[in-house]
Amino acid sequence: MAFFAGLVDAVAGGGGLIQVPALFAAYPDAPPATLLSTNKVSAVGGTLNAARRYLRHVSLPWAVVGPAIVAGFVGSLLGANAVSNFPAEPLRKALPFVLLFLLLYTWFQPSLGEAHAPKTLGRFQRLKAAILGLTIGFYDGFFGPGTGSFLLFGFVRFFSFDFLHASAATKLVNVATNLAAILMLASLGQINWALGFAMMVANIAGSQFGSRLAIKHGSTFVRKAFLLIVSVLILKSAWDAYFSN
C-alpha cells in the first residue's frame, strides 16, 4: 500500500487515502497518533523523491514557492501542536463538502491549469503564497487528509500554475509540512521508526513511477488524476464522517 500511496501522491496528492487506512487495518491495536506519525515518516521520503524528479524537468518561481514552504513548515508545527487542544470533528464533517467544491470548480473550468503563466511576482503574491502555506500547513499538521489536493488546487487557482508545475510546488511544500509534523510528534515519542522507514522505501519506489508518469504525460494527465483522486477522497471522507459509525 505504501508503494501505491507513493505513486498516487507523486501525481496529484492523496496518498494518505491509501496509506493511512492500510496502517489502521494492519495495526488495529496501535495508538492512532503512532500510526498517523508513522504515515508521515513514510510519506516524506516519497514526496521528497518526487520533488527531486520534478525539479529536473520544471522551473519554479521561488519567490512564490519559497514563502509557501517556510509558512507551510510553521503552520504544520502549529497544527500538530494544536491536535491535543482542539477537536478535529468539525473538520472531518466539513471535508467532503470542501473537496466537492474543489472538484466542481475544476470540472467546470476546463482551461484551468492548462497553461503555465505565473502572475507578476510582487509582494502581494508572496504574501498570498505564505497564507496558502500557513493555512494548508496548519491543516496538514492538525488533520491531514487531502493536503496535497488542496495545495495543488491552490497553486493552479491563485498563482496560474499549470497542473504539472503545481504538482512540483505541492511536493516541496508537502515535504516541509510532513517534516514539521514528524519533528513535533517525534518529541512526544509517538513514531514507529522501523515501520516508517520500511514503508518509506516502498513509498519512494511508488513516487519514482508516479512522477515519471506525470512528467511524461504532462498537465492534462495530472488534471485527470486530480479529478479522480478528489472524487474518491470525497466518497471516503463522507463515509468516515457520516456513515462509518
C-alpha atoms as a PDB file:
ATOM      1  CA  MET A   1       0.000   0.000   0.000  1.00  0.00           C
ATOM      2  CA  ALA A   2       2.899   2.362   0.629  1.00  0.00           C
ATOM      3  CA  PHE A   3       4.062   1.793  -2.953  1.00  0.00           C
ATOM      4  CA  PHE A   4       0.651   2.699  -4.391  1.00  0.00           C
ATOM      5  CA  ALA A   5       0.371   5.648  -1.999  1.00  0.00           C
ATOM      6  CA  GLY A   6       3.693   6.988  -3.274  1.00  0.00           C
ATOM      7  CA  LEU A   7       2.553   6.554  -6.886  1.00  0.00           C
ATOM      8  CA  VAL A   8      -0.754   8.395  -6.362  1.00  0.00           C
ATOM      9  CA  ASP A   9       0.770  11.115  -4.225  1.00  0.00           C
ATOM     10  CA  ALA A  10       3.511  11.862  -6.761  1.00  0.00           C
ATOM     11  CA  VAL A  11       0.930  12.547  -9.470  1.00  0.00           C
ATOM     12  CA  ALA A  12      -1.796  14.562  -7.745  1.00  0.00           C
ATOM     13  CA  GLY A  13      -1.700  14.087  -3.963  1.00  0.00           C
ATOM     14  CA  GLY A  14      -3.985  11.840  -1.954  1.00  0.00           C
ATOM     15  CA  GLY A  15      -1.537   9.115  -0.999  1.00  0.00           C
ATOM     16  CA  GLY A  16      -2.739   9.253   2.585  1.00  0.00           C
ATOM     17  CA  LEU A  17      -6.094   7.976   1.335  1.00  0.00           C
ATOM     18  CA  ILE A  18      -4.339   4.648   0.694  1.00  0.00           C
ATOM     19  CA  GLN A  19      -1.628   4.514   3.316  1.00  0.00           C
ATOM     20  CA  VAL A  20      -3.471   5.621   6.465  1.00  0.00           C
ATOM     21  CA  PRO A  21      -6.369   3.104   6.181  1.00  0.00           C
ATOM     22  CA  ALA A  22      -3.819   0.368   5.452  1.00  0.00           C
ATOM     23  CA  LEU A  23      -1.929   1.203   8.645  1.00  0.00           C
ATOM     24  CA  PHE A  24      -5.094   1.174  10.741  1.00  0.00           C
ATOM     25  CA  ALA A  25      -6.166  -2.152   9.205  1.00  0.00           C
ATOM     26  CA  ALA A  26      -2.769  -3.782   9.783  1.00  0.00           C
ATOM     27  CA  TYR A  27      -2.299  -2.452  13.346  1.00  0.00           C
ATOM     28  CA  PRO A  28      -5.786  -2.102  14.866  1.00  0.00           C
ATOM     29  CA  ASP A  29      -4.474  -2.019  18.439  1.00  0.00           C
ATOM     30  CA  ALA A  30      -1.803   0.646  17.914  1.00  0.00           C
ATOM     31  CA  PRO A  31      -2.435   4.221  19.164  1.00  0.00           C
ATOM     32  CA  PRO A  32      -3.829   6.381  16.315  1.00  0.00           C
ATOM     33  CA  ALA A  33      -1.189   9.081  16.900  1.00  0.00           C
ATOM     34  CA  THR A  34       1.564   6.491  16.368  1.00  0.00           C
ATOM     35  CA  LEU A  35       0.047   5.307  13.091  1.00  0.00           C
ATOM     36  CA  LEU A  36      -0.541   8.832  11.777  1.00  0.00           C
ATOM     37  CA  SER A  37       3.005   9.901  12.601  1.00  0.00           C
ATOM     38  CA  THR A  38       4.430   6.708  11.064  1.00  0.00           C
ATOM     39  CA  ASN A  39       2.483   7.570   7.913  1.00  0.00           C
ATOM     40  CA  LYS A  40       4.285  10.939   7.839  1.00  0.00           C
ATOM     41  CA  VAL A  41       7.699   9.263   8.038  1.00  0.00           C
ATOM     42  CA  SER A  42       6.827   7.035   5.088  1.00  0.00           C
ATOM     43  CA  ALA A  43       5.281   9.830   3.046  1.00  0.00           C
ATOM     44  CA  VAL A  44       8.100  12.342   3.434  1.00  0.00           C
ATOM     45  CA  GLY A  45      10.563  10.067   1.607  1.00  0.00           C
ATOM     46  CA  GLY A  46       8.316   9.567  -1.398  1.00  0.00           C
ATOM     47  CA  THR A  47       7.339  13.239  -1.508  1.00  0.00           C
ATOM     48  CA  LEU A  48      10.973  14.367  -1.398  1.00  0.00           C
ATOM     49  CA  ASN A  49      11.897  11.928  -4.155  1.00  0.00           C
ATOM     50  CA  ALA A  50       9.010  13.135  -6.333  1.00  0.00           C
ATOM     51  CA  ALA A  51      10.042  16.771  -5.766  1.00  0.00           C
ATOM     52  CA  ARG A  52      13.603  15.969  -6.815  1.00  0.00           C
ATOM     53  CA  ARG A  53      12.409  14.357 -10.050  1.00  0.00           C
ATOM     54  CA  TYR A  54      10.023  17.202 -10.885  1.00  0.00           C
ATOM     55  CA  LEU A  55      12.733  19.827 -10.392  1.00  0.00           C
ATOM     56  CA  ARG A  56      14.821  18.164 -13.082  1.00  0.00           C
ATOM     57  CA  HIS A  57      12.111  18.956 -15.624  1.00  0.00           C
ATOM     58  CA  VAL A  58      10.322  22.112 -14.460  1.00  0.00           C
ATOM     59  CA  SER A  59      11.454  25.533 -13.286  1.00  0.00           C
ATOM     60  CA  LEU A  60       9.530  27.068 -10.386  1.00  0.00           C
ATOM     61  CA  PRO A  61       9.164  30.731  -9.341  1.00  0.00           C
ATOM     62  CA  TRP A  62      10.897  30.531  -5.960  1.00  0.00           C
ATOM     63  CA  ALA A  63       9.599  33.961  -4.951  1.00  0.00           C
ATOM     64  CA  VAL A  64       6.212  32.246  -4.573  1.00  0.00           C
ATOM     65  CA  VAL A  65       7.199  28.682  -3.681  1.00  0.00           C
ATOM     66  CA  GLY A  66       9.801  29.696  -1.064  1.00  0.00           C
ATOM     67  CA  PRO A  67       7.391  31.612   1.215  1.00  0.00           C
ATOM     68  CA  ALA A  68       4.836  28.796   0.874  1.00  0.00           C
ATOM     69  CA  ILE A  69       7.452  26.242   2.002  1.00  0.00           C
ATOM     70  CA  VAL A  70       8.561  28.252   5.051  1.00  0.00           C
ATOM     71  CA  ALA A  71       4.995  29.143   6.069  1.00  0.00           C
ATOM     72  CA  GLY A  72       3.890  25.538   5.488  1.00  0.00           C
ATOM     73  CA  PHE A  73       6.550  24.301   7.919  1.00  0.00           C
ATOM     74  CA  VAL A  74       5.479  26.807  10.583  1.00  0.00           C
ATOM     75  CA  GLY A  75       1.784  26.085  10.010  1.00  0.00           C
ATOM     76  CA  SER A  76       2.282  22.344  10.337  1.00  0.00           C
ATOM     77  CA  LEU A  77       4.169  22.773  13.621  1.00  0.00           C
ATOM     78  CA  LEU A  78       1.288  24.855  14.957  1.00  0.00           C
ATOM     79  CA  GLY A  79      -1.276  22.355  13.700  1.00  0.00           C
ATOM     80  CA  ALA A  80       0.483  19.337  15.195  1.00  0.00           C
ATOM     81  CA  ASN A  81       0.774  21.190  18.488  1.00  0.00           C
ATOM     82  CA  ALA A  82      -2.953  22.029  18.426  1.00  0.00           C
ATOM     83  CA  VAL A  83      -4.118  18.430  17.930  1.00  0.00           C
ATOM     84  CA  SER A  84      -4.433  17.718  21.638  1.00  0.00           C
ATOM     85  CA  ASN A  85      -6.212  21.005  22.409  1.00  0.00           C
ATOM     86  CA  PHE A  86      -8.940  21.232  19.753  1.00  0.00           C
ATOM     87  CA  PRO A  87     -11.386  18.645  18.360  1.00  0.00           C
ATOM     88  CA  ALA A  88     -10.889  17.569  14.725  1.00  0.00           C
ATOM     89  CA  GLU A  89     -14.539  16.504  14.322  1.00  0.00           C
ATOM     90  CA  PRO A  90     -15.770  19.770  12.695  1.00  0.00           C
ATOM     91  CA  LEU A  91     -13.035  19.497  10.061  1.00  0.00           C
ATOM     92  CA  ARG A  92     -13.882  15.852   9.453  1.00  0.00           C
ATOM     93  CA  LYS A  93     -17.541  16.774   8.855  1.00  0.00           C
ATOM     94  CA  ALA A  94     -16.703  19.698   6.561  1.00  0.00           C
ATOM     95  CA  LEU A  95     -14.020  17.953   4.469  1.00  0.00           C
ATOM     96  CA  PRO A  96     -16.323  16.195   1.914  1.00  0.00           C
ATOM     97  CA  PHE A  97     -18.068  19.491   1.106  1.00  0.00           C
ATOM     98  CA  VAL A  98     -14.837  21.457   0.683  1.00  0.00           C
ATOM     99  CA  LEU A  99     -13.459  18.751  -1.598  1.00  0.00           C
ATOM    100  CA  LEU A 100     -16.714  18.721  -3.582  1.00  0.00           C
ATOM    101  CA  PHE A 101     -16.304  22.457  -4.189  1.00  0.00           C
ATOM    102  CA  LEU A 102     -12.743  21.863  -5.472  1.00  0.00           C
ATOM    103  CA  LEU A 103     -13.961  19.085  -7.746  1.00  0.00           C
ATOM    104  CA  LEU A 104     -16.857  21.066  -9.249  1.00  0.00           C
ATOM    105  CA  TYR A 105     -14.809  24.230  -9.677  1.00  0.00           C
ATOM    106  CA  THR A 106     -12.054  22.356 -11.525  1.00  0.00           C
ATOM    107  CA  TRP A 107     -14.530  20.311 -13.593  1.00  0.00           C
ATOM    108  CA  PHE A 108     -16.399  23.388 -14.846  1.00  0.00           C
ATOM    109  CA  GLN A 109     -13.187  25.280 -15.603  1.00  0.00           C
ATOM    110  CA  PRO A 110     -11.687  23.019 -18.295  1.00  0.00           C
ATOM    111  CA  SER A 111      -8.941  25.507 -19.138  1.00  0.00           C
ATOM    112  CA  LEU A 112      -7.834  25.785 -15.502  1.00  0.00           C
ATOM    113  CA  GLY A 113      -4.248  24.603 -15.150  1.00  0.00           C
ATOM    114  CA  GLU A 114      -3.639  24.076 -18.877  1.00  0.00           C
ATOM    115  CA  ALA A 115      -1.131  26.881 -19.328  1.00  0.00           C
ATOM    116  CA  HIS A 116       1.698  27.798 -17.002  1.00  0.00           C
ATOM    117  CA  ALA A 117       1.538  31.586 -16.683  1.00  0.00           C
ATOM    118  CA  PRO A 118       2.523  32.666 -13.157  1.00  0.00           C
ATOM    119  CA  LYS A 119       1.336  36.139 -12.248  1.00  0.00           C
ATOM    120  CA  THR A 120       3.752  39.015 -11.691  1.00  0.00           C
ATOM    121  CA  LEU A 121       5.766  38.120  -8.629  1.00  0.00           C
ATOM    122  CA  GLY A 122       5.245  41.087  -6.341  1.00  0.00           C
ATOM    123  CA  ARG A 123       4.854  41.462  -2.600  1.00  0.00           C
ATOM    124  CA  PHE A 124       1.165  40.574  -2.743  1.00  0.00           C
ATOM    125  CA  GLN A 125       1.889  37.261  -4.494  1.00  0.00           C
ATOM    126  CA  ARG A 126       4.490  36.364  -1.865  1.00  0.00           C
ATOM    127  CA  LEU A 127       2.001  37.208   0.881  1.00  0.00           C
ATOM    128  CA  LYS A 128      -0.659  35.019  -0.751  1.00  0.00           C
ATOM    129  CA  ALA A 129       1.866  32.168  -1.008  1.00  0.00           C
ATOM    130  CA  ALA A 130       2.701  32.493   2.684  1.00  0.00           C
ATOM    131  CA  ILE A 131      -1.001  32.477   3.617  1.00  0.00           C
ATOM    132  CA  LEU A 132      -1.574  29.392   1.454  1.00  0.00           C
ATOM    133  CA  GLY A 133       1.370  27.576   3.037  1.00  0.00           C
ATOM    134  CA  LEU A 134       0.439  28.590   6.585  1.00  0.00           C
ATOM    135  CA  THR A 135      -3.231  27.623   6.209  1.00  0.00           C
ATOM    136  CA  ILE A 136      -2.720  24.269   4.480  1.00  0.00           C
ATOM    137  CA  GLY A 137       0.329  23.543   6.646  1.00  0.00           C
ATOM    138  CA  PHE A 138      -1.747  24.014   9.801  1.00  0.00           C
ATOM    139  CA  TYR A 139      -4.423  21.747   8.335  1.00  0.00           C
ATOM    140  CA  ASP A 140      -1.836  19.069   7.499  1.00  0.00           C
ATOM    141  CA  GLY A 141      -0.337  19.107  10.974  1.00  0.00           C
ATOM    142  CA  PHE A 142      -3.761  19.136  12.632  1.00  0.00           C
ATOM    143  CA  PHE A 143      -5.772  16.742  10.443  1.00  0.00           C
ATOM    144  CA  GLY A 144      -4.208  15.951   7.064  1.00  0.00           C
ATOM    145  CA  PRO A 145      -6.438  14.175   4.501  1.00  0.00           C
ATOM    146  CA  GLY A 146      -6.427  15.924   1.129  1.00  0.00           C
ATOM    147  CA  THR A 147      -3.473  18.228   1.877  1.00  0.00           C
ATOM    148  CA  GLY A 148      -1.797  17.538  -1.478  1.00  0.00           C
ATOM    149  CA  SER A 149      -5.049  18.159  -3.349  1.00  0.00           C
ATOM    150  CA  PHE A 150      -5.624  21.458  -1.541  1.00  0.00           C
ATOM    151  CA  LEU A 151      -2.094  22.650  -2.298  1.00  0.00           C
ATOM    152  CA  LEU A 152      -2.326  21.579  -5.933  1.00  0.00           C
ATOM    153  CA  PHE A 153      -5.601  23.456  -6.404  1.00  0.00           C
ATOM    154  CA  GLY A 154      -4.174  26.497  -4.607  1.00  0.00           C
ATOM    155  CA  PHE A 155      -1.156  26.822  -6.888  1.00  0.00           C
ATOM    156  CA  VAL A 156      -3.320  26.377 -10.004  1.00  0.00           C
ATOM    157  CA  ARG A 157      -6.143  28.713  -8.960  1.00  0.00           C
ATOM    158  CA  PHE A 158      -4.302  31.507  -7.159  1.00  0.00           C
ATOM    159  CA  PHE A 159      -0.939  31.570  -8.967  1.00  0.00           C
ATOM    160  CA  SER A 160      -1.867  30.439 -12.513  1.00  0.00           C
ATOM    161  CA  PHE A 161       0.432  27.390 -12.478  1.00  0.00           C
ATOM    162  CA  ASP A 162      -0.351  24.535 -14.828  1.00  0.00           C
ATOM    163  CA  PHE A 163      -1.043  21.200 -13.149  1.00  0.00           C
ATOM    164  CA  LEU A 164       2.468  19.852 -13.728  1.00  0.00           C
ATOM    165  CA  HIS A 165       4.240  22.861 -12.154  1.00  0.00           C
ATOM    166  CA  ALA A 166       1.629  22.970  -9.391  1.00  0.00           C
ATOM    167  CA  SER A 167       2.300  19.317  -8.593  1.00  0.00           C
ATOM    168  CA  ALA A 168       6.028  20.036  -8.319  1.00  0.00           C
ATOM    169  CA  ALA A 169       5.412  23.006  -5.995  1.00  0.00           C
ATOM    170  CA  THR A 170       2.965  20.940  -3.938  1.00  0.00           C
ATOM    171  CA  LYS A 171       5.593  18.285  -3.300  1.00  0.00           C
ATOM    172  CA  LEU A 172       8.067  20.829  -1.930  1.00  0.00           C
ATOM    173  CA  VAL A 173       5.549  22.397   0.453  1.00  0.00           C
ATOM    174  CA  ASN A 174       4.316  18.951   1.479  1.00  0.00           C
ATOM    175  CA  VAL A 175       7.867  17.884   2.367  1.00  0.00           C
ATOM    176  CA  ALA A 176       8.068  20.860   4.726  1.00  0.00           C
ATOM    177  CA  THR A 177       4.681  20.165   6.355  1.00  0.00           C
ATOM    178  CA  ASN A 178       5.495  16.476   6.806  1.00  0.00           C
ATOM    179  CA  LEU A 179       8.895  17.235   8.348  1.00  0.00           C
ATOM    180  CA  ALA A 180       7.359  19.702  10.798  1.00  0.00           C
ATOM    181  CA  ALA A 181       4.724  17.188  11.892  1.00  0.00           C
ATOM    182  CA  ILE A 182       7.395  14.495  12.288  1.00  0.00           C
ATOM    183  CA  LEU A 183       9.539  16.776  14.485  1.00  0.00           C
ATOM    184  CA  MET A 184       6.583  17.648  16.695  1.00  0.00           C
ATOM    185  CA  LEU A 185       5.346  14.056  17.025  1.00  0.00           C
ATOM    186  CA  ALA A 186       8.857  12.642  17.486  1.00  0.00           C
ATOM    187  CA  SER A 187       9.290  14.899  20.523  1.00  0.00           C
ATOM    188  CA  LEU A 188       6.282  13.106  22.007  1.00  0.00           C
ATOM    189  CA  GLY A 189       7.742   9.670  21.246  1.00  0.00           C
ATOM    190  CA  GLN A 190       4.848   8.641  19.030  1.00  0.00           C
ATOM    191  CA  ILE A 191       6.585   7.241  15.939  1.00  0.00           C
ATOM    192  CA  ASN A 192       7.281   3.640  14.945  1.00  0.00           C
ATOM    193  CA  TRP A 193      10.550   4.416  13.184  1.00  0.00           C
ATOM    194  CA  ALA A 194      11.286   0.879  11.955  1.00  0.00           C
ATOM    195  CA  LEU A 195       7.901   0.540  10.275  1.00  0.00           C
ATOM    196  CA  GLY A 196       8.032   4.114   8.955  1.00  0.00           C
ATOM    197  CA  PHE A 197      11.414   3.636   7.264  1.00  0.00           C
ATOM    198  CA  ALA A 198      10.412   0.262   5.814  1.00  0.00           C
ATOM    199  CA  MET A 199       7.300   1.834   4.292  1.00  0.00           C
ATOM    200  CA  MET A 200       9.353   4.806   3.104  1.00  0.00           C
ATOM    201  CA  VAL A 201      11.390   2.546   0.805  1.00  0.00           C
ATOM    202  CA  ALA A 202       8.207   1.321  -0.885  1.00  0.00           C
ATOM    203  CA  ASN A 203       6.764   4.846  -0.962  1.00  0.00           C
ATOM    204  CA  ILE A 204       9.867   6.179  -2.727  1.00  0.00           C
ATOM    205  CA  ALA A 205       9.619   3.393  -5.327  1.00  0.00           C
ATOM    206  CA  GLY A 206       5.998   4.330  -5.980  1.00  0.00           C
ATOM    207  CA  SER A 207       6.808   8.030  -6.222  1.00  0.00           C
ATOM    208  CA  GLN A 208       9.529   7.257  -8.755  1.00  0.00           C
ATOM    209  CA  PHE A 209       6.964   5.596 -11.008  1.00  0.00           C
ATOM    210  CA  GLY A 210       4.225   8.182 -10.399  1.00  0.00           C
ATOM    211  CA  SER A 211       6.400  11.240 -11.059  1.00  0.00           C
ATOM    212  CA  ARG A 212       7.688   9.611 -14.255  1.00  0.00           C
ATOM    213  CA  LEU A 213       4.091   9.178 -15.453  1.00  0.00           C
ATOM    214  CA  ALA A 214       3.213  12.800 -14.637  1.00  0.00           C
ATOM    215  CA  ILE A 215       6.303  14.231 -16.340  1.00  0.00           C
ATOM    216  CA  LYS A 216       5.809  12.049 -19.415  1.00  0.00           C
ATOM    217  CA  HIS A 217       2.093  12.800 -19.918  1.00  0.00           C
ATOM    218  CA  GLY A 218       2.002  16.396 -18.672  1.00  0.00           C
ATOM    219  CA  SER A 219      -0.658  18.662 -17.177  1.00  0.00           C
ATOM    220  CA  THR A 220      -3.669  17.024 -18.841  1.00  0.00           C
ATOM    221  CA  PHE A 221      -2.820  13.703 -17.208  1.00  0.00           C
ATOM    222  CA  VAL A 222      -2.270  15.336 -13.801  1.00  0.00           C
ATOM    223  CA  ARG A 223      -5.604  17.187 -14.100  1.00  0.00           C
ATOM    224  CA  LYS A 224      -7.473  13.946 -14.807  1.00  0.00           C
ATOM    225  CA  ALA A 225      -5.695  12.205 -11.931  1.00  0.00           C
ATOM    226  CA  PHE A 226      -6.548  15.136  -9.642  1.00  0.00           C
ATOM    227  CA  LEU A 227     -10.259  14.898 -10.514  1.00  0.00           C
ATOM    228  CA  LEU A 228     -10.274  11.135  -9.956  1.00  0.00           C
ATOM    229  CA  ILE A 229      -8.390  11.273  -6.666  1.00  0.00           C
ATOM    230  CA  VAL A 230     -10.529  14.100  -5.268  1.00  0.00           C
ATOM    231  CA  SER A 231     -13.686  12.170  -6.249  1.00  0.00           C
ATOM    232  CA  VAL A 232     -12.512   9.112  -4.333  1.00  0.00           C
ATOM    233  CA  LEU A 233     -11.429  11.272  -1.398  1.00  0.00           C
ATOM    234  CA  ILE A 234     -14.919  12.841  -1.263  1.00  0.00           C
ATOM    235  CA  LEU A 235     -16.529   9.414  -1.019  1.00  0.00           C
ATOM    236  CA  LYS A 236     -14.013   8.164   1.555  1.00  0.00           C
ATOM    237  CA  SER A 237     -14.198  11.250   3.759  1.00  0.00           C
ATOM    238  CA  ALA A 238     -18.014  11.364   3.596  1.00  0.00           C
ATOM    239  CA  TRP A 239     -18.185   7.688   4.613  1.00  0.00           C
ATOM    240  CA  ASP A 240     -15.794   8.246   7.522  1.00  0.00           C
ATOM    241  CA  ALA A 241     -17.591  11.385   8.699  1.00  0.00           C
ATOM    242  CA  TYR A 242     -21.241  10.326   8.390  1.00  0.00           C
ATOM    243  CA  PHE A 243     -21.660   6.576   7.920  1.00  0.00           C
ATOM    244  CA  SER A 244     -18.778   4.609   9.485  1.00  0.00           C
ATOM    245  CA  ASN A 245     -20.251   4.816  12.989  1.00  0.00           C
END
